[in-house]
């Protein structure tokens, strides 16, 4: 049984929902852990919801703890928004297989590109901040455990998507010119 484009899009839609739910749970867990660790029980920072031991950082300075966890939260929220945008294009039915190149698709690709660039920017900031804290001899989990690794990949993806969006925009302009001349 061959996999058609329509079937593949249905599978990707379901996968997008699953990932969206997962990243929303992750963002909510980070927010909960920030509030709980700062205001209710500082001992909670030793597990930080399975994202590593941030208790040394919290003991060292609450402000540094807030900054690194806030950067983690921003990255998680941007990933959530990215998958929301992906799900939204499926739900709005703006993705047409008969006319795949339209302004809605270009806007979608640009939104995902800007979100990827934002994720890359904040991931890079978090990693640089963690390295700066490590120079102060504060014990921190690695960037992978903090869920902020891969800034270069996110930036690369964002730039590639922007290039694709501009190519599609040019294709739409050429298509419109051809329709006018016929």
C-alpha atoms as a PDB file:
ATOM      1  CA  UNK A   1       0.000   0.000   0.000  1.00  0.00           C
ATOM      2  CA  UNK A   2       1.728   3.196  -1.155  1.00  0.00           C
ATOM      3  CA  UNK A   3       1.833   6.177   1.150  1.00  0.00           C
ATOM      4  CA  UNK A   4       0.140   9.105  -0.542  1.00  0.00           C
ATOM      5  CA  UNK A   5       0.843  12.744   0.137  1.00  0.00           C
ATOM      6  CA  UNK A   6      -2.565  13.138   1.748  1.00  0.00           C
ATOM      7  CA  UNK A   7      -1.932  10.208   4.092  1.00  0.00           C
ATOM      8  CA  UNK A   8       1.534  11.511   4.954  1.00  0.00           C
ATOM      9  CA  UNK A   9       0.066  14.926   5.800  1.00  0.00           C
ATOM     10  CA  UNK A  10      -2.462  13.215   8.089  1.00  0.00           C
ATOM     11  CA  UNK A  11       0.335  11.338   9.849  1.00  0.00           C
ATOM     12  CA  UNK A  12       2.358  14.546  10.202  1.00  0.00           C
ATOM     13  CA  UNK A  13      -0.706  16.326  11.599  1.00  0.00           C
ATOM     14  CA  UNK A  14      -1.082  13.664  14.304  1.00  0.00           C
ATOM     15  CA  UNK A  15       2.647  13.770  15.067  1.00  0.00           C
ATOM     16  CA  UNK A  16       2.478  17.563  15.296  1.00  0.00           C
ATOM     17  CA  UNK A  17      -0.315  17.289  17.867  1.00  0.00           C
ATOM     18  CA  UNK A  18       1.700  14.784  19.910  1.00  0.00           C
ATOM     19  CA  UNK A  19       4.817  16.959  19.857  1.00  0.00           C
ATOM     20  CA  UNK A  20       2.752  20.089  20.596  1.00  0.00           C
ATOM     21  CA  UNK A  21       1.264  18.474  23.686  1.00  0.00           C
ATOM     22  CA  UNK A  22       4.720  17.337  24.793  1.00  0.00           C
ATOM     23  CA  UNK A  23       6.370  20.739  24.421  1.00  0.00           C
ATOM     24  CA  UNK A  24       3.420  22.441  26.145  1.00  0.00           C
ATOM     25  CA  UNK A  25       3.798  20.053  29.071  1.00  0.00           C
ATOM     26  CA  UNK A  26       7.533  20.775  29.133  1.00  0.00           C
ATOM     27  CA  UNK A  27       6.964  24.558  29.130  1.00  0.00           C
ATOM     28  CA  UNK A  28       4.367  24.214  31.881  1.00  0.00           C
ATOM     29  CA  UNK A  29       6.726  22.042  33.925  1.00  0.00           C
ATOM     30  CA  UNK A  30       9.521  24.591  33.620  1.00  0.00           C
ATOM     31  CA  UNK A  31       7.202  27.427  34.678  1.00  0.00           C
ATOM     32  CA  UNK A  32       5.895  25.384  37.599  1.00  0.00           C
ATOM     33  CA  UNK A  33       9.436  24.459  38.674  1.00  0.00           C
ATOM     34  CA  UNK A  34      10.603  28.075  38.522  1.00  0.00           C
ATOM     35  CA  UNK A  35       7.749  29.285  40.725  1.00  0.00           C
ATOM     36  CA  UNK A  36       7.917  26.309  43.095  1.00  0.00           C
ATOM     37  CA  UNK A  37      11.709  26.499  43.501  1.00  0.00           C
ATOM     38  CA  UNK A  38      11.836  30.262  44.005  1.00  0.00           C
ATOM     39  CA  UNK A  39       8.806  30.817  46.219  1.00  0.00           C
ATOM     40  CA  UNK A  40       7.715  27.577  47.875  1.00  0.00           C
ATOM     41  CA  UNK A  41      10.451  24.974  48.278  1.00  0.00           C
ATOM     42  CA  UNK A  42      14.044  25.665  47.194  1.00  0.00           C
ATOM     43  CA  UNK A  43      14.836  21.963  47.621  1.00  0.00           C
ATOM     44  CA  UNK A  44      12.765  21.319  44.484  1.00  0.00           C
ATOM     45  CA  UNK A  45      15.622  22.774  42.398  1.00  0.00           C
ATOM     46  CA  UNK A  46      17.709  19.630  42.947  1.00  0.00           C
ATOM     47  CA  UNK A  47      15.602  17.703  40.436  1.00  0.00           C
ATOM     48  CA  UNK A  48      13.920  20.559  38.530  1.00  0.00           C
ATOM     49  CA  UNK A  49      11.442  18.212  36.968  1.00  0.00           C
ATOM     50  CA  UNK A  50      14.056  15.834  35.623  1.00  0.00           C
ATOM     51  CA  UNK A  51      15.982  18.571  33.811  1.00  0.00           C
ATOM     52  CA  UNK A  52      19.015  18.427  36.029  1.00  0.00           C
ATOM     53  CA  UNK A  53      20.180  19.651  39.386  1.00  0.00           C
ATOM     54  CA  UNK A  54      19.980  23.435  39.628  1.00  0.00           C
ATOM     55  CA  UNK A  55      20.180  23.539  43.422  1.00  0.00           C
ATOM     56  CA  UNK A  56      23.805  24.749  43.422  1.00  0.00           C
ATOM     57  CA  UNK A  57      22.849  27.640  41.173  1.00  0.00           C
ATOM     58  CA  UNK A  58      19.879  28.532  43.375  1.00  0.00           C
ATOM     59  CA  UNK A  59      22.117  28.468  46.456  1.00  0.00           C
ATOM     60  CA  UNK A  60      24.706  30.594  44.649  1.00  0.00           C
ATOM     61  CA  UNK A  61      22.285  33.293  43.482  1.00  0.00           C
ATOM     62  CA  UNK A  62      18.525  33.418  42.973  1.00  0.00           C
ATOM     63  CA  UNK A  63      18.886  35.981  40.180  1.00  0.00           C
ATOM     64  CA  UNK A  64      21.212  33.763  38.129  1.00  0.00           C
ATOM     65  CA  UNK A  65      18.830  30.855  38.754  1.00  0.00           C
ATOM     66  CA  UNK A  66      15.927  32.935  37.478  1.00  0.00           C
ATOM     67  CA  UNK A  67      17.794  34.035  34.340  1.00  0.00           C
ATOM     68  CA  UNK A  68      18.854  30.534  33.264  1.00  0.00           C
ATOM     69  CA  UNK A  69      15.435  29.040  33.989  1.00  0.00           C
ATOM     70  CA  UNK A  70      13.690  31.964  32.274  1.00  0.00           C
ATOM     71  CA  UNK A  71      15.797  31.358  29.152  1.00  0.00           C
ATOM     72  CA  UNK A  72      14.815  27.680  29.340  1.00  0.00           C
ATOM     73  CA  UNK A  73      11.168  28.754  29.583  1.00  0.00           C
ATOM     74  CA  UNK A  74      11.433  31.084  26.582  1.00  0.00           C
ATOM     75  CA  UNK A  75      12.947  28.305  24.454  1.00  0.00           C
ATOM     76  CA  UNK A  76      10.203  25.877  25.507  1.00  0.00           C
ATOM     77  CA  UNK A  77       7.468  28.445  24.844  1.00  0.00           C
ATOM     78  CA  UNK A  78       8.852  29.266  21.394  1.00  0.00           C
ATOM     79  CA  UNK A  79       8.903  25.560  20.531  1.00  0.00           C
ATOM     80  CA  UNK A  80       5.293  25.314  21.700  1.00  0.00           C
ATOM     81  CA  UNK A  81       4.288  28.280  19.571  1.00  0.00           C
ATOM     82  CA  UNK A  82       6.091  26.745  16.593  1.00  0.00           C
ATOM     83  CA  UNK A  83       4.059  23.560  16.824  1.00  0.00           C
ATOM     84  CA  UNK A  84       0.908  25.592  17.381  1.00  0.00           C
ATOM     85  CA  UNK A  85       1.595  27.371  14.088  1.00  0.00           C
ATOM     86  CA  UNK A  86       2.158  24.001  12.393  1.00  0.00           C
ATOM     87  CA  UNK A  87      -1.108  22.613  13.762  1.00  0.00           C
ATOM     88  CA  UNK A  88      -2.946  25.821  12.870  1.00  0.00           C
ATOM     89  CA  UNK A  89      -2.077  25.529   9.178  1.00  0.00           C
ATOM     90  CA  UNK A  90      -3.622  22.057   9.165  1.00  0.00           C
ATOM     91  CA  UNK A  91      -6.733  23.213  11.006  1.00  0.00           C
ATOM     92  CA  UNK A  92      -7.270  26.362   8.928  1.00  0.00           C
ATOM     93  CA  UNK A  93      -7.199  24.268   5.760  1.00  0.00           C
ATOM     94  CA  UNK A  94      -4.929  26.856   4.119  1.00  0.00           C
ATOM     95  CA  UNK A  95      -2.667  24.055   2.940  1.00  0.00           C
ATOM     96  CA  UNK A  96      -4.104  23.102  -0.448  1.00  0.00           C
ATOM     97  CA  UNK A  97      -2.591  20.283  -2.451  1.00  0.00           C
ATOM     98  CA  UNK A  98      -4.111  21.660  -5.648  1.00  0.00           C
ATOM     99  CA  UNK A  99      -2.492  25.100  -5.117  1.00  0.00           C
ATOM    100  CA  UNK A 100       0.406  24.514  -2.705  1.00  0.00           C
ATOM    101  CA  UNK A 101       2.132  27.827  -3.431  1.00  0.00           C
ATOM    102  CA  UNK A 102       0.151  30.702  -1.987  1.00  0.00           C
ATOM    103  CA  UNK A 103       0.704  33.627   0.366  1.00  0.00           C
ATOM    104  CA  UNK A 104      -0.595  31.650   3.380  1.00  0.00           C
ATOM    105  CA  UNK A 105       2.123  29.043   2.902  1.00  0.00           C
ATOM    106  CA  UNK A 106       4.769  31.752   2.615  1.00  0.00           C
ATOM    107  CA  UNK A 107       3.512  33.365   5.856  1.00  0.00           C
ATOM    108  CA  UNK A 108       3.579  29.949   7.536  1.00  0.00           C
ATOM    109  CA  UNK A 109       7.161  29.263   6.451  1.00  0.00           C
ATOM    110  CA  UNK A 110       8.238  32.753   7.546  1.00  0.00           C
ATOM    111  CA  UNK A 111       6.594  32.329  10.963  1.00  0.00           C
ATOM    112  CA  UNK A 112       8.309  28.988  11.504  1.00  0.00           C
ATOM    113  CA  UNK A 113      11.599  30.496  10.327  1.00  0.00           C
ATOM    114  CA  UNK A 114      11.379  33.434  12.745  1.00  0.00           C
ATOM    115  CA  UNK A 115      10.426  31.095  15.583  1.00  0.00           C
ATOM    116  CA  UNK A 116      13.410  28.856  14.749  1.00  0.00           C
ATOM    117  CA  UNK A 117      15.683  31.908  14.743  1.00  0.00           C
ATOM    118  CA  UNK A 118      14.250  32.962  18.121  1.00  0.00           C
ATOM    119  CA  UNK A 119      14.781  29.494  19.554  1.00  0.00           C
ATOM    120  CA  UNK A 120      18.344  29.530  18.258  1.00  0.00           C
ATOM    121  CA  UNK A 121      18.995  32.977  19.700  1.00  0.00           C
ATOM    122  CA  UNK A 122      17.655  32.178  23.168  1.00  0.00           C
ATOM    123  CA  UNK A 123      19.262  28.726  23.200  1.00  0.00           C
ATOM    124  CA  UNK A 124      22.596  30.314  22.347  1.00  0.00           C
ATOM    125  CA  UNK A 125      22.135  32.912  25.084  1.00  0.00           C
ATOM    126  CA  UNK A 126      21.315  30.194  27.608  1.00  0.00           C
ATOM    127  CA  UNK A 127      24.378  28.142  26.662  1.00  0.00           C
ATOM    128  CA  UNK A 128      26.666  31.195  26.808  1.00  0.00           C
ATOM    129  CA  UNK A 129      25.160  32.187  30.161  1.00  0.00           C
ATOM    130  CA  UNK A 130      25.665  28.651  31.491  1.00  0.00           C
ATOM    131  CA  UNK A 131      29.305  28.729  30.341  1.00  0.00           C
ATOM    132  CA  UNK A 132      29.762  32.101  32.034  1.00  0.00           C
ATOM    133  CA  UNK A 133      28.319  30.661  35.245  1.00  0.00           C
ATOM    134  CA  UNK A 134      30.605  27.630  34.933  1.00  0.00           C
ATOM    135  CA  UNK A 135      33.574  30.027  34.869  1.00  0.00           C
ATOM    136  CA  UNK A 136      32.361  31.235  38.267  1.00  0.00           C
ATOM    137  CA  UNK A 137      32.603  27.569  39.325  1.00  0.00           C
ATOM    138  CA  UNK A 138      28.854  27.085  39.652  1.00  0.00           C
ATOM    139  CA  UNK A 139      27.864  23.475  39.063  1.00  0.00           C
ATOM    140  CA  UNK A 140      25.262  23.232  36.301  1.00  0.00           C
ATOM    141  CA  UNK A 141      23.856  20.420  34.175  1.00  0.00           C
ATOM    142  CA  UNK A 142      24.898  20.379  30.541  1.00  0.00           C
ATOM    143  CA  UNK A 143      22.940  22.255  27.870  1.00  0.00           C
ATOM    144  CA  UNK A 144      21.300  19.044  26.686  1.00  0.00           C
ATOM    145  CA  UNK A 145      19.822  18.410  30.137  1.00  0.00           C
ATOM    146  CA  UNK A 146      18.593  21.994  30.298  1.00  0.00           C
ATOM    147  CA  UNK A 147      16.864  21.499  26.906  1.00  0.00           C
ATOM    148  CA  UNK A 148      18.672  24.461  25.345  1.00  0.00           C
ATOM    149  CA  UNK A 149      21.234  22.639  23.198  1.00  0.00           C
ATOM    150  CA  UNK A 150      21.454  22.980  19.443  1.00  0.00           C
ATOM    151  CA  UNK A 151      21.329  26.740  18.955  1.00  0.00           C
ATOM    152  CA  UNK A 152      23.357  26.460  15.762  1.00  0.00           C
ATOM    153  CA  UNK A 153      20.915  23.928  14.291  1.00  0.00           C
ATOM    154  CA  UNK A 154      17.916  26.153  15.072  1.00  0.00           C
ATOM    155  CA  UNK A 155      19.639  29.174  13.518  1.00  0.00           C
ATOM    156  CA  UNK A 156      20.605  27.156  10.453  1.00  0.00           C
ATOM    157  CA  UNK A 157      17.036  25.885  10.065  1.00  0.00           C
ATOM    158  CA  UNK A 158      15.636  29.401  10.426  1.00  0.00           C
ATOM    159  CA  UNK A 159      17.901  30.792   7.713  1.00  0.00           C
ATOM    160  CA  UNK A 160      17.110  27.896   5.365  1.00  0.00           C
ATOM    161  CA  UNK A 161      13.368  28.396   5.888  1.00  0.00           C
ATOM    162  CA  UNK A 162      13.698  32.126   5.167  1.00  0.00           C
ATOM    163  CA  UNK A 163      15.504  31.320   1.927  1.00  0.00           C
ATOM    164  CA  UNK A 164      12.760  28.843   0.983  1.00  0.00           C
ATOM    165  CA  UNK A 165      10.083  31.429   1.805  1.00  0.00           C
ATOM    166  CA  UNK A 166      11.753  33.979  -0.485  1.00  0.00           C
ATOM    167  CA  UNK A 167      12.091  31.420  -3.291  1.00  0.00           C
ATOM    168  CA  UNK A 168       8.407  30.523  -2.991  1.00  0.00           C
ATOM    169  CA  UNK A 169       7.493  34.217  -2.909  1.00  0.00           C
ATOM    170  CA  UNK A 170       9.391  34.722  -6.157  1.00  0.00           C
ATOM    171  CA  UNK A 171       7.658  31.656  -7.618  1.00  0.00           C
ATOM    172  CA  UNK A 172       4.260  33.104  -6.706  1.00  0.00           C
ATOM    173  CA  UNK A 173       5.216  36.412  -8.348  1.00  0.00           C
ATOM    174  CA  UNK A 174       6.257  34.584 -11.518  1.00  0.00           C
ATOM    175  CA  UNK A 175       3.072  32.499 -11.470  1.00  0.00           C
ATOM    176  CA  UNK A 176       0.959  35.650 -11.140  1.00  0.00           C
ATOM    177  CA  UNK A 177       2.834  37.293 -14.046  1.00  0.00           C
ATOM    178  CA  UNK A 178       2.255  34.214 -16.201  1.00  0.00           C
ATOM    179  CA  UNK A 179      -1.461  34.171 -15.386  1.00  0.00           C
ATOM    180  CA  UNK A 180      -1.721  37.841 -16.374  1.00  0.00           C
ATOM    181  CA  UNK A 181       0.025  37.330 -19.723  1.00  0.00           C
ATOM    182  CA  UNK A 182      -2.140  34.367 -20.743  1.00  0.00           C
END
